[in-house]
Amino acid sequence: MKKLNKNPWVWAMAVVVLGYIFMEKGIMEQFPIYVSALIVAKLIEIINKLNKD
């Protein structure tokens, strides 16, 4: 896990790109808002853990 990029901006860009791809494919319409919120919360948690190392 140490090899993962610890820069939060890289993670943020990945989230934006994935979100854009999901919207383009219409996948987002099938996901409730709270599921998206849970995913974002989990990502933030991961980023915080990486930054503490």
PDB file of N, CA and C in Angstrom:
ATOM      1  N   MET A   1       0.823  -1.207   0.000  1.00  0.00           N
ATOM      2  CA  MET A   1       0.000   0.000   0.000  1.00  0.00           C
ATOM      3  C   MET A   1       0.859   1.260   0.000  1.00  0.00           C
ATOM      4  N   LYS A   2       2.105   1.139   0.417  1.00  0.00           N
ATOM      5  CA  LYS A   2       2.973   2.320   0.508  1.00  0.00           C
ATOM      6  C   LYS A   2       3.250   2.924  -0.864  1.00  0.00           C
ATOM      7  N   LYS A   3       3.152   2.115  -1.927  1.00  0.00           N
ATOM      8  CA  LYS A   3       3.478   2.617  -3.264  1.00  0.00           C
ATOM      9  C   LYS A   3       2.380   3.510  -3.833  1.00  0.00           C
ATOM     10  N   LEU A   4       1.193   3.493  -3.198  1.00  0.00           N
ATOM     11  CA  LEU A   4       0.105   4.342  -3.682  1.00  0.00           C
ATOM     12  C   LEU A   4       0.501   5.815  -3.567  1.00  0.00           C
ATOM     13  N   ASN A   5       0.050   6.592  -4.527  1.00  0.00           N
ATOM     14  CA  ASN A   5       0.356   8.020  -4.513  1.00  0.00           C
ATOM     15  C   ASN A   5      -0.365   8.680  -3.336  1.00  0.00           C
ATOM     16  N   LYS A   6       0.369   9.414  -2.515  1.00  0.00           N
ATOM     17  CA  LYS A   6      -0.219  10.035  -1.326  1.00  0.00           C
ATOM     18  C   LYS A   6      -0.751  11.442  -1.593  1.00  0.00           C
ATOM     19  N   ASN A   7      -0.647  11.895  -2.816  1.00  0.00           N
ATOM     20  CA  ASN A   7      -1.120  13.237  -3.149  1.00  0.00           C
ATOM     21  C   ASN A   7      -2.646  13.240  -3.284  1.00  0.00           C
ATOM     22  N   PRO A   8      -3.360  13.969  -2.404  1.00  0.00           N
ATOM     23  CA  PRO A   8      -4.836  13.990  -2.454  1.00  0.00           C
ATOM     24  C   PRO A   8      -5.375  14.490  -3.781  1.00  0.00           C
ATOM     25  N   TRP A   9      -4.625  15.358  -4.475  1.00  0.00           N
ATOM     26  CA  TRP A   9      -5.109  15.882  -5.759  1.00  0.00           C
ATOM     27  C   TRP A   9      -5.233  14.778  -6.789  1.00  0.00           C
ATOM     28  N   VAL A  10      -4.311  13.791  -6.728  1.00  0.00           N
ATOM     29  CA  VAL A  10      -4.390  12.673  -7.669  1.00  0.00           C
ATOM     30  C   VAL A  10      -5.675  11.887  -7.423  1.00  0.00           C
ATOM     31  N   TRP A  11      -5.996  11.653  -6.154  1.00  0.00           N
ATOM     32  CA  TRP A  11      -7.229  10.946  -5.805  1.00  0.00           C
ATOM     33  C   TRP A  11      -8.445  11.760  -6.237  1.00  0.00           C
ATOM     34  N   ALA A  12      -8.410  13.065  -5.992  1.00  0.00           N
ATOM     35  CA  ALA A  12      -9.536  13.924  -6.356  1.00  0.00           C
ATOM     36  C   ALA A  12      -9.772  13.874  -7.861  1.00  0.00           C
ATOM     37  N   MET A  13      -8.696  13.946  -8.644  1.00  0.00           N
ATOM     38  CA  MET A  13      -8.821  13.885 -10.102  1.00  0.00           C
ATOM     39  C   MET A  13      -9.396  12.543 -10.532  1.00  0.00           C
ATOM     40  N   ALA A  14      -8.954  11.459  -9.885  1.00  0.00           N
ATOM     41  CA  ALA A  14      -9.461  10.122 -10.215  1.00  0.00           C
ATOM     42  C   ALA A  14     -10.966  10.053  -9.961  1.00  0.00           C
ATOM     43  N   VAL A  15     -11.409  10.638  -8.841  1.00  0.00           N
ATOM     44  CA  VAL A  15     -12.837  10.643  -8.514  1.00  0.00           C
ATOM     45  C   VAL A  15     -13.619  11.421  -9.566  1.00  0.00           C
ATOM     46  N   VAL A  16     -13.090  12.584  -9.968  1.00  0.00           N
ATOM     47  CA  VAL A  16     -13.768  13.410 -10.972  1.00  0.00           C
ATOM     48  C   VAL A  16     -13.877  12.658 -12.294  1.00  0.00           C
ATOM     49  N   VAL A  17     -12.769  12.039 -12.710  1.00  0.00           N
ATOM     50  CA  VAL A  17     -12.764  11.303 -13.983  1.00  0.00           C
ATOM     51  C   VAL A  17     -13.740  10.127 -13.927  1.00  0.00           C
ATOM     52  N   LEU A  18     -13.699   9.376 -12.829  1.00  0.00           N
ATOM     53  CA  LEU A  18     -14.620   8.235 -12.687  1.00  0.00           C
ATOM     54  C   LEU A  18     -16.071   8.711 -12.684  1.00  0.00           C
ATOM     55  N   GLY A  19     -16.332   9.799 -11.966  1.00  0.00           N
ATOM     56  CA  GLY A  19     -17.684  10.349 -11.921  1.00  0.00           C
ATOM     57  C   GLY A  19     -18.152  10.760 -13.307  1.00  0.00           C
ATOM     58  N   TYR A  20     -17.254  11.367 -14.091  1.00  0.00           N
ATOM     59  CA  TYR A  20     -17.592  11.788 -15.451  1.00  0.00           C
ATOM     60  C   TYR A  20     -17.914  10.578 -16.318  1.00  0.00           C
ATOM     61  N   ILE A  21     -17.081   9.530 -16.214  1.00  0.00           N
ATOM     62  CA  ILE A  21     -17.304   8.309 -16.997  1.00  0.00           C
ATOM     63  C   ILE A  21     -18.651   7.690 -16.619  1.00  0.00           C
ATOM     64  N   PHE A  22     -18.940   7.627 -15.316  1.00  0.00           N
ATOM     65  CA  PHE A  22     -20.211   7.057 -14.865  1.00  0.00           C
ATOM     66  C   PHE A  22     -21.384   7.842 -15.434  1.00  0.00           C
ATOM     67  N   MET A  23     -21.274   9.190 -15.427  1.00  0.00           N
ATOM     68  CA  MET A  23     -22.356  10.024 -15.934  1.00  0.00           C
ATOM     69  C   MET A  23     -22.532   9.805 -17.429  1.00  0.00           C
ATOM     70  N   GLU A  24     -21.422   9.697 -18.156  1.00  0.00           N
ATOM     71  CA  GLU A  24     -21.479   9.470 -19.603  1.00  0.00           C
ATOM     72  C   GLU A  24     -22.187   8.154 -19.918  1.00  0.00           C
ATOM     73  N   LYS A  25     -21.919   7.126 -19.105  1.00  0.00           N
ATOM     74  CA  LYS A  25     -22.492   5.798 -19.358  1.00  0.00           C
ATOM     75  C   LYS A  25     -23.895   5.663 -18.766  1.00  0.00           C
ATOM     76  N   GLY A  26     -24.317   6.656 -17.971  1.00  0.00           N
ATOM     77  CA  GLY A  26     -25.645   6.600 -17.371  1.00  0.00           C
ATOM     78  C   GLY A  26     -25.705   5.698 -16.153  1.00  0.00           C
ATOM     79  N   ILE A  27     -24.539   5.319 -15.641  1.00  0.00           N
ATOM     80  CA  ILE A  27     -24.506   4.420 -14.484  1.00  0.00           C
ATOM     81  C   ILE A  27     -24.970   5.165 -13.230  1.00  0.00           C
ATOM     82  N   MET A  28     -24.621   6.463 -13.156  1.00  0.00           N
ATOM     83  CA  MET A  28     -24.936   7.250 -11.974  1.00  0.00           C
ATOM     84  C   MET A  28     -26.440   7.261 -11.689  1.00  0.00           C
ATOM     85  N   GLU A  29     -27.260   7.211 -12.736  1.00  0.00           N
ATOM     86  CA  GLU A  29     -28.707   7.263 -12.540  1.00  0.00           C
ATOM     87  C   GLU A  29     -29.196   6.067 -11.734  1.00  0.00           C
ATOM     88  N   GLN A  30     -28.449   4.971 -11.787  1.00  0.00           N
ATOM     89  CA  GLN A  30     -28.851   3.757 -11.083  1.00  0.00           C
ATOM     90  C   GLN A  30     -28.358   3.755  -9.637  1.00  0.00           C
ATOM     91  N   PHE A  31     -27.446   4.679  -9.320  1.00  0.00           N
ATOM     92  CA  PHE A  31     -26.907   4.759  -7.961  1.00  0.00           C
ATOM     93  C   PHE A  31     -27.638   5.819  -7.151  1.00  0.00           C
ATOM     94  N   PRO A  32     -28.178   5.440  -5.993  1.00  0.00           N
ATOM     95  CA  PRO A  32     -28.772   6.463  -5.118  1.00  0.00           C
ATOM     96  C   PRO A  32     -27.696   7.439  -4.640  1.00  0.00           C
ATOM     97  N   ILE A  33     -28.121   8.648  -4.279  1.00  0.00           N
ATOM     98  CA  ILE A  33     -27.185   9.687  -3.832  1.00  0.00           C
ATOM     99  C   ILE A  33     -26.382   9.221  -2.620  1.00  0.00           C
ATOM    100  N   TYR A  34     -27.035   8.506  -1.678  1.00  0.00           N
ATOM    101  CA  TYR A  34     -26.319   8.136  -0.447  1.00  0.00           C
ATOM    102  C   TYR A  34     -25.213   7.138  -0.715  1.00  0.00           C
ATOM    103  N   VAL A  35     -25.359   6.322  -1.769  1.00  0.00           N
ATOM    104  CA  VAL A  35     -24.285   5.386  -2.114  1.00  0.00           C
ATOM    105  C   VAL A  35     -23.064   6.185  -2.575  1.00  0.00           C
ATOM    106  N   SER A  36     -23.301   7.202  -3.406  1.00  0.00           N
ATOM    107  CA  SER A  36     -22.207   8.069  -3.859  1.00  0.00           C
ATOM    108  C   SER A  36     -21.540   8.739  -2.663  1.00  0.00           C
ATOM    109  N   ALA A  37     -22.351   9.197  -1.716  1.00  0.00           N
ATOM    110  CA  ALA A  37     -21.813   9.858  -0.527  1.00  0.00           C
ATOM    111  C   ALA A  37     -20.949   8.895   0.280  1.00  0.00           C
ATOM    112  N   LEU A  38     -21.399   7.641   0.392  1.00  0.00           N
ATOM    113  CA  LEU A  38     -20.623   6.641   1.131  1.00  0.00           C
ATOM    114  C   LEU A  38     -19.278   6.400   0.455  1.00  0.00           C
ATOM    115  N   ILE A  39     -19.295   6.317  -0.879  1.00  0.00           N
ATOM    116  CA  ILE A  39     -18.051   6.086  -1.625  1.00  0.00           C
ATOM    117  C   ILE A  39     -17.090   7.248  -1.398  1.00  0.00           C
ATOM    118  N   VAL A  40     -17.594   8.471  -1.493  1.00  0.00           N
ATOM    119  CA  VAL A  40     -16.755   9.656  -1.291  1.00  0.00           C
ATOM    120  C   VAL A  40     -16.195   9.673   0.130  1.00  0.00           C
ATOM    121  N   ALA A  41     -17.051   9.356   1.115  1.00  0.00           N
ATOM    122  CA  ALA A  41     -16.610   9.339   2.512  1.00  0.00           C
ATOM    123  C   ALA A  41     -15.493   8.319   2.702  1.00  0.00           C
ATOM    124  N   LYS A  42     -15.636   7.155   2.056  1.00  0.00           N
ATOM    125  CA  LYS A  42     -14.623   6.105   2.170  1.00  0.00           C
ATOM    126  C   LYS A  42     -13.313   6.583   1.545  1.00  0.00           C
ATOM    127  N   LEU A  43     -13.400   7.239   0.398  1.00  0.00           N
ATOM    128  CA  LEU A  43     -12.196   7.758  -0.262  1.00  0.00           C
ATOM    129  C   LEU A  43     -11.489   8.778   0.622  1.00  0.00           C
ATOM    130  N   ILE A  44     -12.258   9.675   1.231  1.00  0.00           N
ATOM    131  CA  ILE A  44     -11.671  10.687   2.113  1.00  0.00           C
ATOM    132  C   ILE A  44     -10.963  10.005   3.278  1.00  0.00           C
ATOM    133  N   GLU A  45     -11.599   8.952   3.816  1.00  0.00           N
ATOM    134  CA  GLU A  45     -11.004   8.195   4.924  1.00  0.00           C
ATOM    135  C   GLU A  45      -9.671   7.590   4.490  1.00  0.00           C
ATOM    136  N   ILE A  46      -9.649   7.005   3.291  1.00  0.00           N
ATOM    137  CA  ILE A  46      -8.420   6.394   2.765  1.00  0.00           C
ATOM    138  C   ILE A  46      -7.339   7.458   2.585  1.00  0.00           C
ATOM    139  N   ILE A  47      -7.715   8.610   2.014  1.00  0.00           N
ATOM    140  CA  ILE A  47      -6.753   9.697   1.793  1.00  0.00           C
ATOM    141  C   ILE A  47      -6.159  10.146   3.130  1.00  0.00           C
ATOM    142  N   ASN A  48      -7.020  10.291   4.140  1.00  0.00           N
ATOM    143  CA  ASN A  48      -6.538  10.717   5.458  1.00  0.00           C
ATOM    144  C   ASN A  48      -5.562   9.709   6.034  1.00  0.00           C
ATOM    145  N   LYS A  49      -5.848   8.417   5.873  1.00  0.00           N
ATOM    146  CA  LYS A  49      -4.942   7.380   6.382  1.00  0.00           C
ATOM    147  C   LYS A  49      -3.605   7.445   5.655  1.00  0.00           C
ATOM    148  N   LEU A  50      -3.657   7.651   4.342  1.00  0.00           N
ATOM    149  CA  LEU A  50      -2.420   7.719   3.558  1.00  0.00           C
ATOM    150  C   LEU A  50      -1.586   8.921   3.983  1.00  0.00           C
ATOM    151  N   ASN A  51      -2.246  10.036   4.256  1.00  0.00           N
ATOM    152  CA  ASN A  51      -1.522  11.248   4.641  1.00  0.00           C
ATOM    153  C   ASN A  51      -0.879  11.124   6.017  1.00  0.00           C
ATOM    154  N   LYS A  52      -1.434  10.271   6.881  1.00  0.00           N
ATOM    155  CA  LYS A  52      -0.875  10.101   8.227  1.00  0.00           C
ATOM    156  C   LYS A  52       0.401   9.273   8.197  1.00  0.00           C
ATOM    157  N   ASP A  53       0.538   8.394   7.217  1.00  0.00           N
ATOM    158  CA  ASP A  53       1.728   7.521   7.144  1.00  0.00           C
ATOM    159  C   ASP A  53       2.997   8.333   6.922  1.00  0.00           C
TER     160      ASP A  53
END
